[in-house]
């Protein structure tokens, strides 16, 4: 049982034999992909506050210094993204920031909100109004918190990071693996298409990495909701000087991810943090959300590659580069999938996700995809055209 799992009502058992098998996997044991995908997004750091104090993170600001974007600022970022052809609004903020930061809590109250999640909902509605599909990554969430925003998100996510207790999560407010796993479970119970991942090099060992990947696989087998798993290295920054995993480590752990996960789950590496060209043959098939207009606020020292560079990565592997939406196509109702859209969405057309019966996207997101406007056409062009027309 993983630390904190029983406390948060998570029942996951990872088989020791499966762990040993996964530890034997090498890049030679997995197949290279047939294509590479990416999403064109804008990065919206709703607040720089976080209740955690992880020793590798530069995203959070201490109490008294943290900021909260106004809805006007959110709208301006979204407009710039829509003008640049983006389809995704990536919302991030630290875990339950209003719990620890009295100033943030007071600002939310002044704006008529009793929690960051009700404010996130309003921000997602702004993104939809401006023609972007929200993908929120707000850290640990209770089922009630996630349910409050799920219907205004095309997909959601949280990095599992690791199922082990590590020193990098030190301090009085530690990330608890069981709570992280509970967030993944909540997404499955609520039929939310979900992104997660592992963080490599924060003090976990090889067995921890295998167990983390297998825990993700077990939850996906239970709920069929994981759309992609990110394999992300910790990187040097002003708060982390303990080094980053070397290429050999990244190649093996990426291959382990591909071997552990079913085919329908993508394996992603962030191209601004990894030597992506050296990892494609390890089973990577997605390069994540890349922004032509905003910075990577979580890793500000590591700029997004230009979209031209994504083409070069794909060309180096002799693979097509395909743009995707923030929600993977298998979660869309049949009427909205490639070749199936006829300009209408009938009543009840929301069913028909990856298993043919579940409502993976809400009527709000379904209507946005089907809208007869520039945003709807932009979304459908991504589905229809496949290979991205990359603007520079």
Protein backbone atom coordinates (compact mmCIF):
# COMPACT_ATOMS: atom_id res chain seq x y z
CA UNK A 1 0.00 0.00 0.00
CA UNK A 2 1.32 3.42 -0.90
CA UNK A 3 1.84 6.13 1.77
CA UNK A 4 -1.49 7.74 2.63
CA UNK A 5 -3.51 5.47 0.33
CA UNK A 6 -5.75 4.03 3.02
CA UNK A 7 -6.25 7.48 4.55
CA UNK A 8 -7.64 8.74 1.25
CA UNK A 9 -9.65 5.63 0.40
CA UNK A 10 -7.42 4.38 -2.41
CA UNK A 11 -7.13 0.62 -2.86
CA UNK A 12 -4.29 -0.14 -5.26
CA UNK A 13 -2.13 -3.23 -5.16
CA UNK A 14 0.92 -3.39 -7.43
CA UNK A 15 2.13 -6.90 -8.18
CA UNK A 16 5.77 -7.52 -7.25
CA UNK A 17 6.30 -9.69 -10.31
CA UNK A 18 5.02 -6.89 -12.54
CA UNK A 19 7.46 -4.49 -10.90
CA UNK A 20 10.36 -6.86 -11.50
CA UNK A 21 9.33 -7.34 -15.13
CA UNK A 22 9.10 -3.60 -15.68
CA UNK A 23 12.55 -3.05 -14.18
CA UNK A 24 13.97 -5.29 -16.89
CA UNK A 25 12.53 -3.19 -19.74
CA UNK A 26 14.96 -1.34 -21.99
CA UNK A 27 14.48 0.92 -25.03
CA UNK A 28 15.03 -2.12 -27.24
CA UNK A 29 11.84 -3.66 -25.84
CA UNK A 30 9.41 -0.99 -27.07
CA UNK A 31 8.32 0.27 -30.47
CA UNK A 32 8.76 3.77 -31.81
CA UNK A 33 5.51 5.65 -32.56
CA UNK A 34 3.91 6.12 -35.97
CA UNK A 35 3.41 9.87 -35.41
CA UNK A 36 4.07 12.67 -32.94
CA UNK A 37 1.36 14.93 -31.57
CA UNK A 38 1.22 18.24 -29.74
CA UNK A 39 -1.35 20.74 -28.52
CA UNK A 40 -1.16 24.48 -29.18
CA UNK A 41 -1.89 26.21 -25.89
CA UNK A 42 -1.63 29.27 -23.71
CA UNK A 43 -0.26 28.88 -20.18
CA UNK A 44 -2.37 30.68 -17.57
CA UNK A 45 -0.87 30.66 -14.04
CA UNK A 46 -4.03 31.61 -12.16
CA UNK A 47 -2.04 32.13 -8.96
CA UNK A 48 1.54 31.63 -7.80
CA UNK A 49 0.39 30.47 -4.36
CA UNK A 50 0.71 26.86 -3.15
CA UNK A 51 0.30 25.16 0.18
CA UNK A 52 3.34 22.94 -0.55
CA UNK A 53 7.02 23.88 -0.34
CA UNK A 54 8.68 21.27 -2.58
CA UNK A 55 12.43 21.87 -2.76
CA UNK A 56 12.60 21.71 -6.57
CA UNK A 57 9.76 24.11 -7.35
CA UNK A 58 10.17 27.73 -8.43
CA UNK A 59 6.50 28.18 -9.32
CA UNK A 60 5.20 29.23 -5.92
CA UNK A 61 5.76 32.56 -4.19
CA UNK A 62 5.74 32.81 -0.39
CA UNK A 63 2.73 34.25 1.43
CA UNK A 64 2.60 38.00 0.99
CA UNK A 65 4.21 37.85 -2.44
CA UNK A 66 1.84 35.58 -4.36
CA UNK A 67 -0.42 37.03 -7.00
CA UNK A 68 -3.81 36.16 -8.45
CA UNK A 69 -4.69 36.87 -12.07
CA UNK A 70 -7.83 38.89 -12.59
CA UNK A 71 -10.46 37.70 -15.04
CA UNK A 72 -9.51 40.63 -17.27
CA UNK A 73 -5.93 39.35 -17.39
CA UNK A 74 -7.17 35.83 -18.10
CA UNK A 75 -9.30 37.14 -20.95
CA UNK A 76 -6.39 39.03 -22.51
CA UNK A 77 -4.14 35.94 -22.42
CA UNK A 78 -6.89 33.85 -23.98
CA UNK A 79 -7.51 36.39 -26.75
CA UNK A 80 -3.83 36.39 -27.66
CA UNK A 81 -3.87 32.60 -27.71
CA UNK A 82 -6.95 32.40 -29.89
CA UNK A 83 -5.44 34.93 -32.29
CA UNK A 84 -2.34 32.70 -32.54
CA UNK A 85 -4.45 29.66 -33.42
CA UNK A 86 -4.30 27.96 -30.02
CA UNK A 87 -7.01 25.54 -28.90
CA UNK A 88 -6.04 24.96 -25.25
CA UNK A 89 -6.09 27.16 -22.16
CA UNK A 90 -3.80 25.46 -19.62
CA UNK A 91 -4.76 26.64 -16.14
CA UNK A 92 -2.29 25.98 -13.33
CA UNK A 93 -2.00 26.96 -9.71
CA UNK A 94 -0.59 25.53 -6.51
CA UNK A 95 -2.52 23.06 -4.45
CA UNK A 96 -5.31 24.69 -2.40
CA UNK A 97 -3.51 28.05 -2.30
CA UNK A 98 -6.28 29.82 -0.43
CA UNK A 99 -5.74 27.44 2.50
CA UNK A 100 -2.33 28.90 3.37
CA UNK A 101 -2.38 32.40 1.86
CA UNK A 102 -4.65 34.80 3.69
CA UNK A 103 -4.18 37.52 1.05
CA UNK A 104 -5.28 35.18 -1.74
CA UNK A 105 -8.27 34.07 0.32
CA UNK A 106 -9.21 37.70 0.99
CA UNK A 107 -8.90 38.61 -2.69
CA UNK A 108 -11.11 35.70 -3.70
CA UNK A 109 -13.69 36.76 -1.10
CA UNK A 110 -13.62 40.32 -2.44
CA UNK A 111 -14.35 38.94 -5.90
CA UNK A 112 -17.26 36.89 -4.55
CA UNK A 113 -15.63 33.46 -4.26
CA UNK A 114 -15.30 31.19 -1.26
CA UNK A 115 -12.60 29.02 -2.86
CA UNK A 116 -10.08 28.98 -5.68
CA UNK A 117 -12.14 26.32 -7.43
CA UNK A 118 -15.20 28.51 -7.90
CA UNK A 119 -12.87 31.17 -9.27
CA UNK A 120 -11.25 28.62 -11.57
CA UNK A 121 -14.69 27.77 -12.92
CA UNK A 122 -15.29 31.41 -13.80
CA UNK A 123 -11.85 31.64 -15.45
CA UNK A 124 -12.59 28.53 -17.53
CA UNK A 125 -15.85 30.12 -18.66
CA UNK A 126 -13.85 33.15 -19.81
CA UNK A 127 -11.54 30.86 -21.81
CA UNK A 128 -14.52 29.24 -23.50
CA UNK A 129 -15.96 32.65 -24.34
CA UNK A 130 -12.67 33.57 -26.01
CA UNK A 131 -12.51 30.39 -28.06
CA UNK A 132 -10.19 28.11 -26.07
CA UNK A 133 -10.82 24.71 -24.49
CA UNK A 134 -9.81 24.69 -20.82
CA UNK A 135 -7.44 22.09 -19.42
CA UNK A 136 -7.03 22.74 -15.69
CA UNK A 137 -4.22 21.34 -13.58
CA UNK A 138 -5.03 22.56 -10.07
CA UNK A 139 -3.12 19.95 -8.05
CA UNK A 140 -4.77 17.72 -5.46
CA UNK A 141 -8.54 17.84 -5.61
CA UNK A 142 -11.34 16.29 -3.65
CA UNK A 143 -14.16 14.75 -5.62
CA UNK A 144 -16.32 17.77 -4.80
CA UNK A 145 -13.67 20.24 -5.97
CA UNK A 146 -13.18 18.43 -9.25
CA UNK A 147 -16.89 18.09 -9.84
CA UNK A 148 -17.24 21.86 -9.43
CA UNK A 149 -15.11 22.53 -12.52
CA UNK A 150 -15.15 19.33 -14.59
CA UNK A 151 -17.97 20.34 -16.93
CA UNK A 152 -16.13 23.50 -18.07
CA UNK A 153 -12.94 21.58 -18.85
CA UNK A 154 -12.21 19.53 -21.95
CA UNK A 155 -9.73 17.52 -19.86
CA UNK A 156 -7.89 17.92 -16.57
CA UNK A 157 -4.68 16.74 -14.99
CA UNK A 158 -2.29 16.44 -12.09
CA UNK A 159 1.23 15.06 -11.94
CA UNK A 160 1.36 12.01 -9.69
CA UNK A 161 5.14 12.63 -9.51
CA UNK A 162 5.88 9.54 -7.43
CA UNK A 163 4.19 7.04 -5.15
CA UNK A 164 7.21 7.20 -2.82
CA UNK A 165 7.90 9.51 0.09
CA UNK A 166 10.90 11.61 -0.94
CA UNK A 167 12.95 14.30 0.72
CA UNK A 168 12.15 16.78 -2.03
CA UNK A 169 8.62 16.92 -0.63
CA UNK A 170 10.05 17.92 2.75
CA UNK A 171 8.45 20.34 5.14
CA UNK A 172 5.34 20.54 7.30
CA UNK A 173 3.12 20.50 4.20
CA UNK A 174 4.19 17.42 2.28
CA UNK A 175 2.70 15.96 -0.85
CA UNK A 176 1.14 12.63 0.11
CA UNK A 177 1.11 9.93 -2.59
CA UNK A 178 -2.26 8.62 -1.44
CA UNK A 179 -3.85 12.04 -1.86
CA UNK A 180 -2.37 12.34 -5.35
CA UNK A 181 -3.69 8.89 -6.27
CA UNK A 182 -7.09 9.86 -4.88
CA UNK A 183 -7.19 12.78 -7.30
CA UNK A 184 -6.58 10.38 -10.20
CA UNK A 185 -9.30 8.13 -8.83
CA UNK A 186 -11.71 11.06 -8.51
CA UNK A 187 -11.18 11.83 -12.19
CA UNK A 188 -12.01 8.26 -13.11
CA UNK A 189 -15.15 8.24 -11.00
CA UNK A 190 -16.27 11.52 -12.59
CA UNK A 191 -15.49 10.44 -16.19
CA UNK A 192 -12.87 13.14 -16.69
CA UNK A 193 -10.29 12.60 -19.45
CA UNK A 194 -7.08 12.97 -17.48
CA UNK A 195 -3.38 13.69 -17.84
CA UNK A 196 -0.83 12.63 -15.25
CA UNK A 197 2.84 11.80 -15.07
CA UNK A 198 5.96 11.05 -13.07
CA UNK A 199 8.74 13.42 -12.05
CA UNK A 200 12.15 11.77 -12.42
CA UNK A 201 15.11 12.56 -10.20
CA UNK A 202 13.55 13.92 -7.00
CA UNK A 203 14.89 11.15 -4.77
CA UNK A 204 12.85 8.18 -5.95
CA UNK A 205 14.57 4.92 -6.89
CA UNK A 206 13.98 2.61 -9.84
CA UNK A 207 11.46 0.49 -7.99
CA UNK A 208 9.51 3.62 -7.04
CA UNK A 209 9.37 4.60 -10.72
CA UNK A 210 8.05 1.20 -11.72
CA UNK A 211 5.46 1.21 -8.93
CA UNK A 212 4.30 4.72 -9.88
CA UNK A 213 3.76 3.72 -13.51
CA UNK A 214 1.94 0.54 -12.53
CA UNK A 215 -0.30 2.45 -10.12
CA UNK A 216 -1.29 4.75 -12.97
CA UNK A 217 -1.95 1.72 -15.16
CA UNK A 218 -4.15 0.09 -12.54
CA UNK A 219 -6.29 3.20 -12.16
CA UNK A 220 -6.60 3.49 -15.94
CA UNK A 221 -7.61 -0.16 -16.24
CA UNK A 222 -10.28 0.53 -13.64
CA UNK A 223 -11.68 3.73 -15.19
CA UNK A 224 -10.28 4.00 -18.76
CA UNK A 225 -9.66 7.72 -18.24
CA UNK A 226 -5.93 8.40 -18.57
CA UNK A 227 -5.17 10.05 -21.90
CA UNK A 228 -1.44 10.68 -21.50
CA UNK A 229 1.40 10.15 -19.04
CA UNK A 230 4.22 12.69 -18.88
CA UNK A 231 7.76 11.52 -18.15
CA UNK A 232 9.40 14.69 -16.83
CA UNK A 233 12.89 15.15 -15.40
CA UNK A 234 13.54 17.51 -12.52
CA UNK A 235 15.75 20.33 -13.81
CA UNK A 236 18.32 22.65 -12.30
CA UNK A 237 16.93 25.98 -11.10
CA UNK A 238 17.43 28.50 -8.33
CA UNK A 239 15.95 26.12 -5.74
CA UNK A 240 17.22 22.78 -7.06
CA UNK A 241 20.94 22.08 -7.39
CA UNK A 242 20.92 18.30 -6.95
CA UNK A 243 21.16 17.60 -10.66
CA UNK A 244 18.89 16.17 -13.34
CA UNK A 245 18.62 12.57 -14.53
CA UNK A 246 21.03 11.70 -17.32
CA UNK A 247 20.02 10.59 -20.81
CA UNK A 248 20.42 6.89 -20.05
CA UNK A 249 18.03 7.21 -17.11
CA UNK A 250 15.48 9.12 -19.15
CA UNK A 251 15.66 6.58 -21.96
CA UNK A 252 15.04 3.66 -19.65
CA UNK A 253 12.26 5.24 -17.61
CA UNK A 254 10.53 6.42 -20.79
CA UNK A 255 10.68 2.91 -22.20
CA UNK A 256 9.29 1.61 -18.90
CA UNK A 257 6.37 4.01 -19.21
CA UNK A 258 5.61 2.83 -22.73
CA UNK A 259 5.82 -0.82 -21.69
CA UNK A 260 3.66 -0.31 -18.60
CA UNK A 261 0.85 1.59 -20.27
CA UNK A 262 -1.75 0.36 -22.75
CA UNK A 263 -1.45 1.52 -26.34
CA UNK A 264 -4.26 4.07 -26.12
CA UNK A 265 -2.42 6.05 -23.43
CA UNK A 266 0.16 8.43 -24.90
CA UNK A 267 3.64 8.84 -23.46
CA UNK A 268 4.69 12.47 -23.42
CA UNK A 269 8.01 14.22 -22.80
CA UNK A 270 8.26 18.01 -22.48
CA UNK A 271 10.54 19.18 -25.31
CA UNK A 272 11.82 22.17 -23.34
CA UNK A 273 13.07 19.94 -20.51
CA UNK A 274 14.25 16.79 -22.29
CA UNK A 275 16.32 15.86 -25.34
CA UNK A 276 13.17 14.74 -27.11
CA UNK A 277 14.94 13.58 -30.27
CA UNK A 278 16.82 11.02 -28.16
CA UNK A 279 13.63 9.65 -26.59
CA UNK A 280 11.30 9.10 -29.54
CA UNK A 281 12.52 5.54 -30.10
CA UNK A 282 11.70 4.82 -26.44
CA UNK A 283 7.99 5.07 -27.21
CA UNK A 284 7.28 8.80 -26.94
CA UNK A 285 4.36 9.81 -29.14
CA UNK A 286 3.40 13.22 -27.75
CA UNK A 287 5.29 16.48 -27.16
CA UNK A 288 2.68 18.05 -24.92
CA UNK A 289 1.14 21.47 -24.91
CA UNK A 290 3.44 24.05 -26.49
CA UNK A 291 2.67 27.74 -26.49
CA UNK A 292 3.48 30.24 -29.23
CA UNK A 293 2.54 33.16 -26.97
CA UNK A 294 3.19 32.40 -23.26
CA UNK A 295 6.11 31.13 -21.15
CA UNK A 296 6.40 27.87 -19.23
CA UNK A 297 5.70 29.47 -15.86
CA UNK A 298 6.54 26.29 -13.94
CA UNK A 299 9.99 26.10 -15.55
CA UNK A 300 10.70 29.74 -16.45
CA UNK A 301 14.39 29.11 -17.21
CA UNK A 302 13.45 26.64 -19.97
CA UNK A 303 11.63 28.30 -22.83
CA UNK A 304 9.14 26.50 -25.02
CA UNK A 305 10.61 25.40 -28.34
CA UNK A 306 9.31 27.25 -31.36
CA UNK A 307 6.77 25.22 -33.26
CA UNK A 308 9.40 25.01 -36.00
CA UNK A 309 11.56 23.00 -33.59
CA UNK A 310 8.76 20.48 -33.12
CA UNK A 311 8.80 19.93 -36.86
CA UNK A 312 12.54 19.33 -36.65
CA UNK A 313 12.09 16.79 -33.85
CA UNK A 314 9.50 14.95 -35.92
CA UNK A 315 11.64 15.15 -39.07
CA UNK A 316 14.63 13.70 -37.22
CA UNK A 317 12.54 10.63 -36.46
CA UNK A 318 10.93 10.60 -39.94
CA UNK A 319 7.50 10.97 -38.36
CA UNK A 320 4.51 13.16 -39.18
CA UNK A 321 3.70 15.91 -36.69
CA UNK A 322 0.00 16.14 -35.84
CA UNK A 323 -1.77 18.79 -33.83
CA UNK A 324 -4.35 17.55 -31.33
CA UNK A 325 -6.91 19.06 -28.99
CA UNK A 326 -6.40 19.11 -25.21
CA UNK A 327 -8.88 16.24 -25.01
CA UNK A 328 -7.81 13.19 -26.99
CA UNK A 329 -10.03 12.18 -29.86
CA UNK A 330 -10.98 8.81 -28.41
CA UNK A 331 -12.94 10.63 -25.69
CA UNK A 332 -15.09 12.57 -28.15
CA UNK A 333 -18.58 11.43 -29.20
CA UNK A 334 -18.55 9.77 -32.64
CA UNK A 335 -20.27 12.72 -34.30
CA UNK A 336 -17.26 14.91 -33.49
CA UNK A 337 -14.46 12.52 -34.34
CA UNK A 338 -12.34 12.71 -37.48
CA UNK A 339 -14.51 12.47 -40.55
CA UNK A 340 -17.70 12.22 -38.52
CA UNK A 341 -18.67 15.83 -38.02
CA UNK A 342 -21.52 16.95 -40.25
CA UNK A 343 -22.24 20.34 -38.69
CA UNK A 344 -24.87 19.12 -36.25
CA UNK A 345 -24.84 17.63 -32.78
CA UNK A 346 -28.04 15.79 -32.02
CA UNK A 347 -29.58 15.58 -28.57
CA UNK A 348 -27.84 12.91 -26.55
CA UNK A 349 -24.74 12.98 -28.73
CA UNK A 350 -22.49 13.39 -25.74
CA UNK A 351 -22.22 9.66 -25.17
CA UNK A 352 -19.80 7.56 -27.08
CA UNK A 353 -16.40 8.20 -25.56
CA UNK A 354 -13.62 5.64 -25.58
CA UNK A 355 -15.94 2.82 -24.48
CA UNK A 356 -18.86 3.89 -26.67
CA UNK A 357 -21.24 4.76 -23.85
CA UNK A 358 -19.78 7.14 -21.26
CA UNK A 359 -20.07 10.93 -21.30
CA UNK A 360 -16.44 11.98 -21.29
CA UNK A 361 -17.17 15.57 -22.28
CA UNK A 362 -19.95 17.79 -21.02
CA UNK A 363 -22.61 19.48 -23.09
CA UNK A 364 -20.71 22.74 -22.54
CA UNK A 365 -17.55 21.40 -24.19
CA UNK A 366 -19.53 19.50 -26.80
CA UNK A 367 -21.33 22.68 -27.83
CA UNK A 368 -18.04 24.57 -28.03
CA UNK A 369 -16.64 21.94 -30.37
CA UNK A 370 -19.75 22.03 -32.52
CA UNK A 371 -20.23 25.81 -32.53
CA UNK A 372 -20.63 27.51 -35.88
CA UNK A 373 -17.95 30.12 -35.18
CA UNK A 374 -14.21 30.63 -35.65
CA UNK A 375 -13.36 28.68 -32.50
CA UNK A 376 -15.50 25.71 -33.47
CA UNK A 377 -13.95 25.68 -36.92
CA UNK A 378 -10.47 25.87 -35.38
CA UNK A 379 -11.19 22.85 -33.19
CA UNK A 380 -12.65 20.85 -36.05
CA UNK A 381 -9.77 21.77 -38.34
CA UNK A 382 -7.42 20.10 -35.87
CA UNK A 383 -9.56 16.96 -35.93
CA UNK A 384 -10.15 17.04 -39.66
CA UNK A 385 -6.73 17.89 -41.00
CA UNK A 386 -4.53 15.71 -38.83
CA UNK A 387 -1.13 16.96 -39.86
CA UNK A 388 -0.59 20.37 -38.32
CA UNK A 389 -0.08 23.50 -40.34
CA UNK A 390 2.60 24.94 -38.10
CA UNK A 391 2.88 28.72 -37.98
CA UNK A 392 6.19 30.26 -37.04
